[in-house]
């Protein structure tokens, strides 16, 4: 009986910890705060949990606040924690802000933003 109780308590603790988790941004490409010398063709964001792309949004705006045209947000087929946002045109030299609002598989929402620069 005592072993059953301890096993049930351990399982409850594992699931309680998982239920409190939120998808955190681990890293991105281009890197957060980086200056790149080339125009990326896509944005990649690595999260700590699987993201639901249909309930998530990533936007890219130029330094003067103009939205950058992007393709459809998708998951990397090899890693469901990585979201990919194709860029439909080359980026000019300047600063860009990436903003995201994501919903993870456990339905928790997170958001944030970062900048990177395209420069010579």
PDB file of N, CA and C in Angstrom:
ATOM      1  N   UNK A   1       0.825  -1.194   0.000  1.00  0.00           N
ATOM      2  CA  UNK A   1       0.000   0.000   0.000  1.00  0.00           C
ATOM      3  C   UNK A   1       0.864   1.251   0.000  1.00  0.00           C
ATOM      4  N   UNK A   2       1.907   1.229   0.819  1.00  0.00           N
ATOM      5  CA  UNK A   2       2.793   2.394   0.921  1.00  0.00           C
ATOM      6  C   UNK A   2       3.496   2.660  -0.412  1.00  0.00           C
ATOM      7  N   UNK A   3       3.914   1.616  -1.094  1.00  0.00           N
ATOM      8  CA  UNK A   3       4.590   1.773  -2.383  1.00  0.00           C
ATOM      9  C   UNK A   3       3.614   2.349  -3.415  1.00  0.00           C
ATOM     10  N   UNK A   4       2.360   1.905  -3.411  1.00  0.00           N
ATOM     11  CA  UNK A   4       1.364   2.436  -4.343  1.00  0.00           C
ATOM     12  C   UNK A   4       1.144   3.925  -4.115  1.00  0.00           C
ATOM     13  N   UNK A   5       1.079   4.328  -2.858  1.00  0.00           N
ATOM     14  CA  UNK A   5       0.899   5.746  -2.540  1.00  0.00           C
ATOM     15  C   UNK A   5       2.086   6.563  -3.026  1.00  0.00           C
ATOM     16  N   UNK A   6       3.307   6.068  -2.791  1.00  0.00           N
ATOM     17  CA  UNK A   6       4.508   6.795  -3.216  1.00  0.00           C
ATOM     18  C   UNK A   6       4.569   6.887  -4.733  1.00  0.00           C
ATOM     19  N   UNK A   7       4.196   5.822  -5.429  1.00  0.00           N
ATOM     20  CA  UNK A   7       4.197   5.834  -6.882  1.00  0.00           C
ATOM     21  C   UNK A   7       3.160   6.836  -7.402  1.00  0.00           C
ATOM     22  N   UNK A   8       1.973   6.844  -6.817  1.00  0.00           N
ATOM     23  CA  UNK A   8       0.930   7.794  -7.234  1.00  0.00           C
ATOM     24  C   UNK A   8       1.377   9.227  -6.980  1.00  0.00           C
ATOM     25  N   UNK A   9       2.035   9.485  -5.864  1.00  0.00           N
ATOM     26  CA  UNK A   9       2.515  10.836  -5.553  1.00  0.00           C
ATOM     27  C   UNK A   9       3.591  11.267  -6.544  1.00  0.00           C
ATOM     28  N   UNK A  10       4.481  10.355  -6.910  1.00  0.00           N
ATOM     29  CA  UNK A  10       5.537  10.681  -7.871  1.00  0.00           C
ATOM     30  C   UNK A  10       4.947  11.003  -9.237  1.00  0.00           C
ATOM     31  N   UNK A  11       3.979  10.225  -9.677  1.00  0.00           N
ATOM     32  CA  UNK A  11       3.340  10.476 -10.976  1.00  0.00           C
ATOM     33  C   UNK A  11       2.611  11.815 -10.962  1.00  0.00           C
ATOM     34  N   UNK A  12       1.905  12.106  -9.870  1.00  0.00           N
ATOM     35  CA  UNK A  12       1.199  13.389  -9.766  1.00  0.00           C
ATOM     36  C   UNK A  12       2.179  14.556  -9.819  1.00  0.00           C
ATOM     37  N   UNK A  13       3.323  14.420  -9.170  1.00  0.00           N
ATOM     38  CA  UNK A  13       4.326  15.492  -9.175  1.00  0.00           C
ATOM     39  C   UNK A  13       4.883  15.712 -10.577  1.00  0.00           C
ATOM     40  N   UNK A  14       5.106  14.640 -11.310  1.00  0.00           N
ATOM     41  CA  UNK A  14       5.624  14.765 -12.676  1.00  0.00           C
ATOM     42  C   UNK A  14       4.630  15.513 -13.557  1.00  0.00           C
ATOM     43  N   UNK A  15       3.351  15.113 -13.505  1.00  0.00           N
ATOM     44  CA  UNK A  15       2.356  15.752 -14.351  1.00  0.00           C
ATOM     45  C   UNK A  15       2.030  17.168 -13.893  1.00  0.00           C
ATOM     46  N   UNK A  16       2.095  17.428 -12.624  1.00  0.00           N
ATOM     47  CA  UNK A  16       1.855  18.797 -12.137  1.00  0.00           C
ATOM     48  C   UNK A  16       2.939  19.722 -12.645  1.00  0.00           C
ATOM     49  N   UNK A  17       4.188  19.284 -12.645  1.00  0.00           N
ATOM     50  CA  UNK A  17       5.283  20.097 -13.163  1.00  0.00           C
ATOM     51  C   UNK A  17       5.134  20.342 -14.644  1.00  0.00           C
ATOM     52  N   UNK A  18       4.691  19.332 -15.376  1.00  0.00           N
ATOM     53  CA  UNK A  18       4.516  19.481 -16.817  1.00  0.00           C
ATOM     54  C   UNK A  18       3.369  20.447 -17.130  1.00  0.00           C
ATOM     55  N   UNK A  19       2.328  20.411 -16.342  1.00  0.00           N
ATOM     56  CA  UNK A  19       1.177  21.267 -16.604  1.00  0.00           C
ATOM     57  C   UNK A  19       1.512  22.738 -16.417  1.00  0.00           C
ATOM     58  N   UNK A  20       2.516  23.038 -15.633  1.00  0.00           N
ATOM     59  CA  UNK A  20       2.886  24.419 -15.379  1.00  0.00           C
ATOM     60  C   UNK A  20       3.880  24.951 -16.411  1.00  0.00           C
ATOM     61  N   UNK A  21       4.342  24.109 -17.312  1.00  0.00           N
ATOM     62  CA  UNK A  21       5.371  24.504 -18.269  1.00  0.00           C
ATOM     63  C   UNK A  21       4.802  25.454 -19.327  1.00  0.00           C
ATOM     64  N   UNK A  22       5.660  26.318 -19.821  1.00  0.00           N
ATOM     65  CA  UNK A  22       5.322  27.225 -20.909  1.00  0.00           C
ATOM     66  C   UNK A  22       6.442  27.148 -21.936  1.00  0.00           C
ATOM     67  N   UNK A  23       6.094  27.318 -23.184  1.00  0.00           N
ATOM     68  CA  UNK A  23       7.102  27.289 -24.241  1.00  0.00           C
ATOM     69  C   UNK A  23       7.969  28.542 -24.147  1.00  0.00           C
ATOM     70  N   UNK A  24       9.244  28.351 -23.903  1.00  0.00           N
ATOM     71  CA  UNK A  24      10.202  29.459 -23.837  1.00  0.00           C
ATOM     72  C   UNK A  24      11.021  29.464 -25.119  1.00  0.00           C
ATOM     73  N   UNK A  25      11.354  30.650 -25.587  1.00  0.00           N
ATOM     74  CA  UNK A  25      12.242  30.761 -26.733  1.00  0.00           C
ATOM     75  C   UNK A  25      13.645  30.374 -26.277  1.00  0.00           C
ATOM     76  N   UNK A  26      14.237  29.376 -26.928  1.00  0.00           N
ATOM     77  CA  UNK A  26      15.587  28.939 -26.585  1.00  0.00           C
ATOM     78  C   UNK A  26      16.633  29.679 -27.402  1.00  0.00           C
ATOM     79  N   UNK A  27      16.403  29.774 -28.711  1.00  0.00           N
ATOM     80  CA  UNK A  27      17.274  30.552 -29.588  1.00  0.00           C
ATOM     81  C   UNK A  27      16.589  30.730 -30.925  1.00  0.00           C
ATOM     82  N   UNK A  28      17.207  31.521 -31.772  1.00  0.00           N
ATOM     83  CA  UNK A  28      16.592  31.848 -33.058  1.00  0.00           C
ATOM     84  C   UNK A  28      17.673  31.985 -34.123  1.00  0.00           C
ATOM     85  N   UNK A  29      17.226  31.939 -35.373  1.00  0.00           N
ATOM     86  CA  UNK A  29      18.089  32.217 -36.501  1.00  0.00           C
ATOM     87  C   UNK A  29      17.334  33.166 -37.420  1.00  0.00           C
ATOM     88  N   UNK A  30      17.869  34.364 -37.649  1.00  0.00           N
ATOM     89  CA  UNK A  30      19.092  34.948 -37.110  1.00  0.00           C
ATOM     90  C   UNK A  30      19.045  35.033 -35.578  1.00  0.00           C
ATOM     91  N   UNK A  31      20.225  35.021 -34.985  1.00  0.00           N
ATOM     92  CA  UNK A  31      20.335  35.041 -33.535  1.00  0.00           C
ATOM     93  C   UNK A  31      19.797  36.343 -32.953  1.00  0.00           C
ATOM     94  N   UNK A  32      19.274  36.224 -31.754  1.00  0.00           N
ATOM     95  CA  UNK A  32      18.760  37.375 -31.020  1.00  0.00           C
ATOM     96  C   UNK A  32      19.879  38.411 -30.863  1.00  0.00           C
ATOM     97  N   UNK A  33      19.618  39.640 -31.320  1.00  0.00           N
ATOM     98  CA  UNK A  33      20.577  40.730 -31.193  1.00  0.00           C
ATOM     99  C   UNK A  33      21.733  40.708 -32.171  1.00  0.00           C
ATOM    100  N   UNK A  34      21.758  39.745 -33.073  1.00  0.00           N
ATOM    101  CA  UNK A  34      22.882  39.601 -34.000  1.00  0.00           C
ATOM    102  C   UNK A  34      22.814  40.603 -35.143  1.00  0.00           C
ATOM    103  N   UNK A  35      23.967  40.839 -35.757  1.00  0.00           N
ATOM    104  CA  UNK A  35      24.041  41.545 -37.034  1.00  0.00           C
ATOM    105  C   UNK A  35      24.508  40.532 -38.057  1.00  0.00           C
ATOM    106  N   UNK A  36      23.689  40.340 -39.097  1.00  0.00           N
ATOM    107  CA  UNK A  36      24.050  39.404 -40.162  1.00  0.00           C
ATOM    108  C   UNK A  36      24.417  40.199 -41.404  1.00  0.00           C
ATOM    109  N   UNK A  37      25.289  39.645 -42.217  1.00  0.00           N
ATOM    110  CA  UNK A  37      25.747  40.352 -43.416  1.00  0.00           C
ATOM    111  C   UNK A  37      24.990  39.911 -44.664  1.00  0.00           C
ATOM    112  N   UNK A  38      23.983  39.094 -44.482  1.00  0.00           N
ATOM    113  CA  UNK A  38      23.187  38.565 -45.583  1.00  0.00           C
ATOM    114  C   UNK A  38      21.714  38.659 -45.215  1.00  0.00           C
ATOM    115  N   UNK A  39      20.863  38.660 -46.189  1.00  0.00           N
ATOM    116  CA  UNK A  39      19.427  38.683 -45.943  1.00  0.00           C
ATOM    117  C   UNK A  39      18.936  37.247 -45.733  1.00  0.00           C
ATOM    118  N   UNK A  40      18.398  36.932 -44.572  1.00  0.00           N
ATOM    119  CA  UNK A  40      17.905  35.568 -44.364  1.00  0.00           C
ATOM    120  C   UNK A  40      16.701  35.283 -45.262  1.00  0.00           C
ATOM    121  N   UNK A  41      16.507  34.030 -45.590  1.00  0.00           N
ATOM    122  CA  UNK A  41      15.350  33.629 -46.395  1.00  0.00           C
ATOM    123  C   UNK A  41      14.205  33.143 -45.512  1.00  0.00           C
ATOM    124  N   UNK A  42      14.507  32.935 -44.223  1.00  0.00           N
ATOM    125  CA  UNK A  42      13.500  32.482 -43.275  1.00  0.00           C
ATOM    126  C   UNK A  42      13.920  32.831 -41.861  1.00  0.00           C
ATOM    127  N   UNK A  43      12.957  32.826 -40.968  1.00  0.00           N
ATOM    128  CA  UNK A  43      13.221  32.934 -39.538  1.00  0.00           C
ATOM    129  C   UNK A  43      12.966  31.556 -38.949  1.00  0.00           C
ATOM    130  N   UNK A  44      13.820  31.154 -38.018  1.00  0.00           N
ATOM    131  CA  UNK A  44      13.625  29.900 -37.286  1.00  0.00           C
ATOM    132  C   UNK A  44      13.688  30.220 -35.804  1.00  0.00           C
ATOM    133  N   UNK A  45      12.687  29.764 -35.067  1.00  0.00           N
ATOM    134  CA  UNK A  45      12.652  29.977 -33.626  1.00  0.00           C
ATOM    135  C   UNK A  45      12.526  28.618 -32.945  1.00  0.00           C
ATOM    136  N   UNK A  46      13.449  28.347 -32.034  1.00  0.00           N
ATOM    137  CA  UNK A  46      13.470  27.105 -31.281  1.00  0.00           C
ATOM    138  C   UNK A  46      12.821  27.354 -29.919  1.00  0.00           C
ATOM    139  N   UNK A  47      11.798  26.577 -29.592  1.00  0.00           N
ATOM    140  CA  UNK A  47      11.099  26.698 -28.322  1.00  0.00           C
ATOM    141  C   UNK A  47      11.348  25.467 -27.458  1.00  0.00           C
ATOM    142  N   UNK A  48      11.058  25.593 -26.190  1.00  0.00           N
ATOM    143  CA  UNK A  48      11.264  24.502 -25.243  1.00  0.00           C
ATOM    144  C   UNK A  48      10.170  23.441 -25.321  1.00  0.00           C
ATOM    145  N   UNK A  49       9.087  23.726 -26.035  1.00  0.00           N
ATOM    146  CA  UNK A  49       7.976  22.789 -26.187  1.00  0.00           C
ATOM    147  C   UNK A  49       7.444  22.841 -27.614  1.00  0.00           C
ATOM    148  N   UNK A  50       6.661  21.842 -27.975  1.00  0.00           N
ATOM    149  CA  UNK A  50       6.006  21.828 -29.278  1.00  0.00           C
ATOM    150  C   UNK A  50       4.991  22.962 -29.358  1.00  0.00           C
ATOM    151  N   UNK A  51       4.980  23.633 -30.485  1.00  0.00           N
ATOM    152  CA  UNK A  51       4.115  24.791 -30.719  1.00  0.00           C
ATOM    153  C   UNK A  51       2.973  24.387 -31.654  1.00  0.00           C
ATOM    154  N   UNK A  52       1.799  24.959 -31.435  1.00  0.00           N
ATOM    155  CA  UNK A  52       0.663  24.774 -32.340  1.00  0.00           C
ATOM    156  C   UNK A  52       0.671  25.936 -33.338  1.00  0.00           C
ATOM    157  N   UNK A  53       1.118  25.710 -34.562  1.00  0.00           N
ATOM    158  CA  UNK A  53       1.239  26.823 -35.518  1.00  0.00           C
ATOM    159  C   UNK A  53      -0.093  27.493 -35.846  1.00  0.00           C
ATOM    160  N   UNK A  54      -1.184  26.753 -35.820  1.00  0.00           N
ATOM    161  CA  UNK A  54      -2.480  27.366 -36.159  1.00  0.00           C
ATOM    162  C   UNK A  54      -2.954  28.342 -35.076  1.00  0.00           C
ATOM    163  N   UNK A  55      -2.379  28.250 -33.874  1.00  0.00           N
ATOM    164  CA  UNK A  55      -2.749  29.139 -32.775  1.00  0.00           C
ATOM    165  C   UNK A  55      -1.607  30.085 -32.407  1.00  0.00           C
ATOM    166  N   UNK A  56      -0.620  30.170 -33.286  1.00  0.00           N
ATOM    167  CA  UNK A  56       0.565  30.982 -33.006  1.00  0.00           C
ATOM    168  C   UNK A  56       0.781  31.988 -34.117  1.00  0.00           C
ATOM    169  N   UNK A  57       1.590  33.016 -33.803  1.00  0.00           N
ATOM    170  CA  UNK A  57       1.819  34.082 -34.788  1.00  0.00           C
ATOM    171  C   UNK A  57       3.216  34.639 -34.586  1.00  0.00           C
ATOM    172  N   UNK A  58       3.904  34.842 -35.695  1.00  0.00           N
ATOM    173  CA  UNK A  58       5.205  35.512 -35.678  1.00  0.00           C
ATOM    174  C   UNK A  58       5.138  36.629 -36.708  1.00  0.00           C
ATOM    175  N   UNK A  59       5.549  37.826 -36.299  1.00  0.00           N
ATOM    176  CA  UNK A  59       5.565  38.947 -37.226  1.00  0.00           C
ATOM    177  C   UNK A  59       6.974  39.530 -37.277  1.00  0.00           C
ATOM    178  N   UNK A  60       7.285  40.137 -38.404  1.00  0.00           N
ATOM    179  CA  UNK A  60       8.570  40.791 -38.611  1.00  0.00           C
ATOM    180  C   UNK A  60       8.292  42.195 -39.110  1.00  0.00           C
ATOM    181  N   UNK A  61       8.877  43.188 -38.444  1.00  0.00           N
ATOM    182  CA  UNK A  61       8.724  44.571 -38.885  1.00  0.00           C
ATOM    183  C   UNK A  61      10.103  45.208 -39.008  1.00  0.00           C
ATOM    184  N   UNK A  62      10.202  46.154 -39.928  1.00  0.00           N
ATOM    185  CA  UNK A  62      11.453  46.887 -40.135  1.00  0.00           C
ATOM    186  C   UNK A  62      11.624  47.923 -39.032  1.00  0.00           C
ATOM    187  N   UNK A  63      12.774  48.542 -39.001  1.00  0.00           N
ATOM    188  CA  UNK A  63      13.073  49.549 -37.989  1.00  0.00           C
ATOM    189  C   UNK A  63      12.112  50.721 -37.989  1.00  0.00           C
ATOM    190  N   UNK A  64      11.514  51.012 -39.138  1.00  0.00           N
ATOM    191  CA  UNK A  64      10.546  52.110 -39.186  1.00  0.00           C
ATOM    192  C   UNK A  64       9.110  51.630 -38.983  1.00  0.00           C
ATOM    193  N   UNK A  65       8.955  50.387 -38.548  1.00  0.00           N
ATOM    194  CA  UNK A  65       7.633  49.863 -38.208  1.00  0.00           C
ATOM    195  C   UNK A  65       6.829  49.250 -39.332  1.00  0.00           C
ATOM    196  N   UNK A  66       7.423  49.147 -40.513  1.00  0.00           N
ATOM    197  CA  UNK A  66       6.695  48.558 -41.641  1.00  0.00           C
ATOM    198  C   UNK A  66       6.737  47.027 -41.562  1.00  0.00           C
ATOM    199  N   UNK A  67       5.574  46.385 -41.750  1.00  0.00           N
ATOM    200  CA  UNK A  67       5.559  44.921 -41.742  1.00  0.00           C
ATOM    201  C   UNK A  67       6.316  44.363 -42.939  1.00  0.00           C
ATOM    202  N   UNK A  68       6.984  43.256 -42.705  1.00  0.00           N
ATOM    203  CA  UNK A  68       7.699  42.545 -43.764  1.00  0.00           C
ATOM    204  C   UNK A  68       6.818  41.381 -44.204  1.00  0.00           C
ATOM    205  N   UNK A  69       6.661  41.220 -45.509  1.00  0.00           N
ATOM    206  CA  UNK A  69       5.845  40.117 -46.040  1.00  0.00           C
ATOM    207  C   UNK A  69       6.502  38.779 -45.738  1.00  0.00           C
ATOM    208  N   UNK A  70       5.692  37.884 -45.209  1.00  0.00           N
ATOM    209  CA  UNK A  70       6.191  36.556 -44.857  1.00  0.00           C
ATOM    210  C   UNK A  70       5.247  35.494 -45.393  1.00  0.00           C
ATOM    211  N   UNK A  71       5.752  34.281 -45.439  1.00  0.00           N
ATOM    212  CA  UNK A  71       4.927  33.137 -45.825  1.00  0.00           C
ATOM    213  C   UNK A  71       4.176  32.594 -44.619  1.00  0.00           C
ATOM    214  N   UNK A  72       3.729  31.384 -44.750  1.00  0.00           N
ATOM    215  CA  UNK A  72       2.927  30.731 -43.703  1.00  0.00           C
ATOM    216  C   UNK A  72       3.836  30.091 -42.651  1.00  0.00           C
ATOM    217  N   UNK A  73       3.495  30.315 -41.405  1.00  0.00           N
ATOM    218  CA  UNK A  73       4.216  29.734 -40.286  1.00  0.00           C
ATOM    219  C   UNK A  73       4.029  28.221 -40.294  1.00  0.00           C
ATOM    220  N   UNK A  74       5.127  27.486 -40.102  1.00  0.00           N
ATOM    221  CA  UNK A  74       5.061  26.023 -40.107  1.00  0.00           C
ATOM    222  C   UNK A  74       6.036  25.464 -39.075  1.00  0.00           C
ATOM    223  N   UNK A  75       5.821  24.217 -38.718  1.00  0.00           N
ATOM    224  CA  UNK A  75       6.758  23.510 -37.854  1.00  0.00           C
ATOM    225  C   UNK A  75       7.818  22.837 -38.710  1.00  0.00           C
ATOM    226  N   UNK A  76       9.022  22.752 -38.191  1.00  0.00           N
ATOM    227  CA  UNK A  76      10.076  21.983 -38.845  1.00  0.00           C
ATOM    228  C   UNK A  76       9.659  20.517 -38.769  1.00  0.00           C
ATOM    229  N   UNK A  77       9.615  19.801 -39.887  1.00  0.00           N
ATOM    230  CA  UNK A  77       9.162  18.405 -39.844  1.00  0.00           C
ATOM    231  C   UNK A  77      10.065  17.499 -39.010  1.00  0.00           C
ATOM    232  N   UNK A  78      11.307  17.909 -38.774  1.00  0.00           N
ATOM    233  CA  UNK A  78      12.233  17.087 -37.985  1.00  0.00           C
ATOM    234  C   UNK A  78      12.190  17.403 -36.498  1.00  0.00           C
ATOM    235  N   UNK A  79      11.636  18.566 -36.129  1.00  0.00           N
ATOM    236  CA  UNK A  79      11.595  18.964 -34.719  1.00  0.00           C
ATOM    237  C   UNK A  79      10.381  19.867 -34.508  1.00  0.00           C
ATOM    238  N   UNK A  80       9.372  19.349 -33.864  1.00  0.00           N
ATOM    239  CA  UNK A  80       8.101  20.069 -33.682  1.00  0.00           C
ATOM    240  C   UNK A  80       8.202  21.226 -32.698  1.00  0.00           C
ATOM    241  N   UNK A  81       9.389  21.451 -32.137  1.00  0.00           N
ATOM    242  CA  UNK A  81       9.602  22.603 -31.256  1.00  0.00           C
ATOM    243  C   UNK A  81      10.167  23.797 -32.026  1.00  0.00           C
ATOM    244  N   UNK A  82      10.451  23.597 -33.305  1.00  0.00           N
ATOM    245  CA  UNK A  82      11.046  24.642 -34.141  1.00  0.00           C
ATOM    246  C   UNK A  82       9.994  25.155 -35.118  1.00  0.00           C
ATOM    247  N   UNK A  83       9.765  26.472 -35.100  1.00  0.00           N
ATOM    248  CA  UNK A  83       8.847  27.073 -36.060  1.00  0.00           C
ATOM    249  C   UNK A  83       9.659  27.799 -37.124  1.00  0.00           C
ATOM    250  N   UNK A  84       9.143  27.743 -38.338  1.00  0.00           N
ATOM    251  CA  UNK A  84       9.826  28.317 -39.496  1.00  0.00           C
ATOM    252  C   UNK A  84       8.874  29.304 -40.154  1.00  0.00           C
ATOM    253  N   UNK A  85       9.380  30.511 -40.413  1.00  0.00           N
ATOM    254  CA  UNK A  85       8.607  31.543 -41.083  1.00  0.00           C
ATOM    255  C   UNK A  85       9.380  31.999 -42.323  1.00  0.00           C
ATOM    256  N   UNK A  86       8.932  31.613 -43.523  1.00  0.00           N
ATOM    257  CA  UNK A  86       9.623  32.037 -44.741  1.00  0.00           C
ATOM    258  C   UNK A  86       9.477  33.544 -44.961  1.00  0.00           C
ATOM    259  N   UNK A  87      10.541  34.161 -45.467  1.00  0.00           N
ATOM    260  CA  UNK A  87      10.510  35.582 -45.839  1.00  0.00           C
ATOM    261  C   UNK A  87      10.333  35.649 -47.348  1.00  0.00           C
ATOM    262  N   UNK A  88       9.381  36.448 -47.802  1.00  0.00           N
ATOM    263  CA  UNK A  88       9.019  36.463 -49.220  1.00  0.00           C
ATOM    264  C   UNK A  88       9.867  37.404 -50.068  1.00  0.00           C
ATOM    265  N   UNK A  89      10.688  38.226 -49.416  1.00  0.00           N
ATOM    266  CA  UNK A  89      11.577  39.098 -50.180  1.00  0.00           C
ATOM    267  C   UNK A  89      12.842  39.347 -49.360  1.00  0.00           C
ATOM    268  N   UNK A  90      13.868  39.819 -50.044  1.00  0.00           N
ATOM    269  CA  UNK A  90      15.139  40.108 -49.374  1.00  0.00           C
ATOM    270  C   UNK A  90      14.974  41.291 -48.422  1.00  0.00           C
ATOM    271  N   UNK A  91      15.690  41.250 -47.328  1.00  0.00           N
ATOM    272  CA  UNK A  91      15.652  42.335 -46.354  1.00  0.00           C
ATOM    273  C   UNK A  91      16.734  43.354 -46.670  1.00  0.00           C
ATOM    274  N   UNK A  92      16.379  44.616 -46.610  1.00  0.00           N
ATOM    275  CA  UNK A  92      17.339  45.699 -46.807  1.00  0.00           C
ATOM    276  C   UNK A  92      18.184  45.859 -45.542  1.00  0.00           C
ATOM    277  N   UNK A  93      19.274  46.577 -45.655  1.00  0.00           N
ATOM    278  CA  UNK A  93      20.094  46.888 -44.490  1.00  0.00           C
ATOM    279  C   UNK A  93      19.237  47.635 -43.469  1.00  0.00           C
ATOM    280  N   UNK A  94      19.343  47.226 -42.211  1.00  0.00           N
ATOM    281  CA  UNK A  94      18.576  47.886 -41.158  1.00  0.00           C
ATOM    282  C   UNK A  94      18.291  46.968 -39.991  1.00  0.00           C
ATOM    283  N   UNK A  95      17.506  47.481 -39.066  1.00  0.00           N
ATOM    284  CA  UNK A  95      17.120  46.744 -37.865  1.00  0.00           C
ATOM    285  C   UNK A  95      15.728  46.169 -38.054  1.00  0.00           C
ATOM    286  N   UNK A  96      15.512  44.962 -37.569  1.00  0.00           N
ATOM    287  CA  UNK A  96      14.228  44.281 -37.687  1.00  0.00           C
ATOM    288  C   UNK A  96      13.815  43.734 -36.324  1.00  0.00           C
ATOM    289  N   UNK A  97      12.507  43.798 -36.056  1.00  0.00           N
ATOM    290  CA  UNK A  97      11.959  43.271 -34.809  1.00  0.00           C
ATOM    291  C   UNK A  97      11.084  42.058 -35.123  1.00  0.00           C
ATOM    292  N   UNK A  98      11.388  40.963 -34.436  1.00  0.00           N
ATOM    293  CA  UNK A  98      10.598  39.740 -34.519  1.00  0.00           C
ATOM    294  C   UNK A  98       9.727  39.688 -33.266  1.00  0.00           C
ATOM    295  N   UNK A  99       8.429  39.550 -33.448  1.00  0.00           N
ATOM    296  CA  UNK A  99       7.503  39.405 -32.321  1.00  0.00           C
ATOM    297  C   UNK A  99       6.770  38.085 -32.480  1.00  0.00           C
ATOM    298  N   UNK A 100       6.558  37.392 -31.365  1.00  0.00           N
ATOM    299  CA  UNK A 100       5.835  36.134 -31.434  1.00  0.00           C
ATOM    300  C   UNK A 100       4.800  36.023 -30.326  1.00  0.00           C
ATOM    301  N   UNK A 101       3.762  35.320 -30.667  1.00  0.00           N
ATOM    302  CA  UNK A 101       2.732  34.887 -29.725  1.00  0.00           C
ATOM    303  C   UNK A 101       2.521  33.420 -30.038  1.00  0.00           C
ATOM    304  N   UNK A 102       2.841  32.549 -29.102  1.00  0.00           N
ATOM    305  CA  UNK A 102       2.741  31.123 -29.374  1.00  0.00           C
ATOM    306  C   UNK A 102       1.823  30.438 -28.385  1.00  0.00           C
ATOM    307  N   UNK A 103       1.231  29.364 -28.850  1.00  0.00           N
ATOM    308  CA  UNK A 103       0.460  28.462 -28.003  1.00  0.00           C
ATOM    309  C   UNK A 103       1.122  27.102 -28.112  1.00  0.00           C
ATOM    310  N   UNK A 104       1.500  26.564 -26.972  1.00  0.00           N
ATOM    311  CA  UNK A 104       2.144  25.254 -26.969  1.00  0.00           C
ATOM    312  C   UNK A 104       1.084  24.155 -26.980  1.00  0.00           C
ATOM    313  N   UNK A 105       1.526  22.902 -27.112  1.00  0.00           N
ATOM    314  CA  UNK A 105       0.598  21.779 -27.153  1.00  0.00           C
ATOM    315  C   UNK A 105      -0.278  21.710 -25.913  1.00  0.00           C
ATOM    316  N   UNK A 106       0.250  22.153 -24.776  1.00  0.00           N
ATOM    317  CA  UNK A 106      -0.542  22.107 -23.541  1.00  0.00           C
ATOM    318  C   UNK A 106      -1.417  23.350 -23.384  1.00  0.00           C
ATOM    319  N   UNK A 107      -1.555  24.126 -24.445  1.00  0.00           N
ATOM    320  CA  UNK A 107      -2.425  25.307 -24.575  1.00  0.00           C
ATOM    321  C   UNK A 107      -1.968  26.535 -23.793  1.00  0.00           C
ATOM    322  N   UNK A 108      -0.759  26.533 -23.283  1.00  0.00           N
ATOM    323  CA  UNK A 108      -0.250  27.734 -22.618  1.00  0.00           C
ATOM    324  C   UNK A 108       0.266  28.715 -23.666  1.00  0.00           C
ATOM    325  N   UNK A 109       0.051  29.986 -23.427  1.00  0.00           N
ATOM    326  CA  UNK A 109       0.474  31.043 -24.348  1.00  0.00           C
ATOM    327  C   UNK A 109       1.717  31.739 -23.813  1.00  0.00           C
ATOM    328  N   UNK A 110       2.607  32.087 -24.719  1.00  0.00           N
ATOM    329  CA  UNK A 110       3.762  32.919 -24.380  1.00  0.00           C
ATOM    330  C   UNK A 110       3.948  33.924 -25.503  1.00  0.00           C
ATOM    331  N   UNK A 111       4.639  35.002 -25.196  1.00  0.00           N
ATOM    332  CA  UNK A 111       4.938  35.979 -26.231  1.00  0.00           C
ATOM    333  C   UNK A 111       6.254  36.660 -25.902  1.00  0.00           C
ATOM    334  N   UNK A 112       6.773  37.325 -26.882  1.00  0.00           N
ATOM    335  CA  UNK A 112       8.015  38.050 -26.704  1.00  0.00           C
ATOM    336  C   UNK A 112       8.471  38.641 -28.013  1.00  0.00           C
ATOM    337  N   UNK A 113       9.639  39.251 -27.981  1.00  0.00           N
ATOM    338  CA  UNK A 113      10.200  39.822 -29.195  1.00  0.00           C
ATOM    339  C   UNK A 113      11.707  39.963 -29.050  1.00  0.00           C
ATOM    340  N   UNK A 114      12.342  40.185 -30.170  1.00  0.00           N
ATOM    341  CA  UNK A 114      13.777  40.448 -30.198  1.00  0.00           C
ATOM    342  C   UNK A 114      14.107  41.169 -31.494  1.00  0.00           C
ATOM    343  N   UNK A 115      15.282  41.728 -31.556  1.00  0.00           N
ATOM    344  CA  UNK A 115      15.731  42.415 -32.762  1.00  0.00           C
ATOM    345  C   UNK A 115      16.988  41.744 -33.320  1.00  0.00           C
ATOM    346  N   UNK A 116      17.182  41.929 -34.596  1.00  0.00           N
ATOM    347  CA  UNK A 116      18.438  41.601 -35.258  1.00  0.00           C
ATOM    348  C   UNK A 116      18.654  42.640 -36.334  1.00  0.00           C
ATOM    349  N   UNK A 117      19.875  42.714 -36.834  1.00  0.00           N
ATOM    350  CA  UNK A 117      20.210  43.703 -37.859  1.00  0.00           C
ATOM    351  C   UNK A 117      20.751  43.006 -39.100  1.00  0.00           C
ATOM    352  N   UNK A 118      20.441  43.599 -40.239  1.00  0.00           N
ATOM    353  CA  UNK A 118      21.059  43.219 -41.512  1.00  0.00           C
ATOM    354  C   UNK A 118      21.978  44.372 -41.839  1.00  0.00           C
ATOM    355  N   UNK A 119      23.246  44.057 -41.977  1.00  0.00           N
ATOM    356  CA  UNK A 119      24.210  45.136 -42.215  1.00  0.00           C
ATOM    357  C   UNK A 119      25.345  44.685 -43.100  1.00  0.00           C
ATOM    358  N   UNK A 120      26.153  45.634 -43.467  1.00  0.00           N
ATOM    359  CA  UNK A 120      27.301  45.305 -44.330  1.00  0.00           C
ATOM    360  C   UNK A 120      28.364  44.537 -43.572  1.00  0.00           C
TER     361      UNK A 120
END
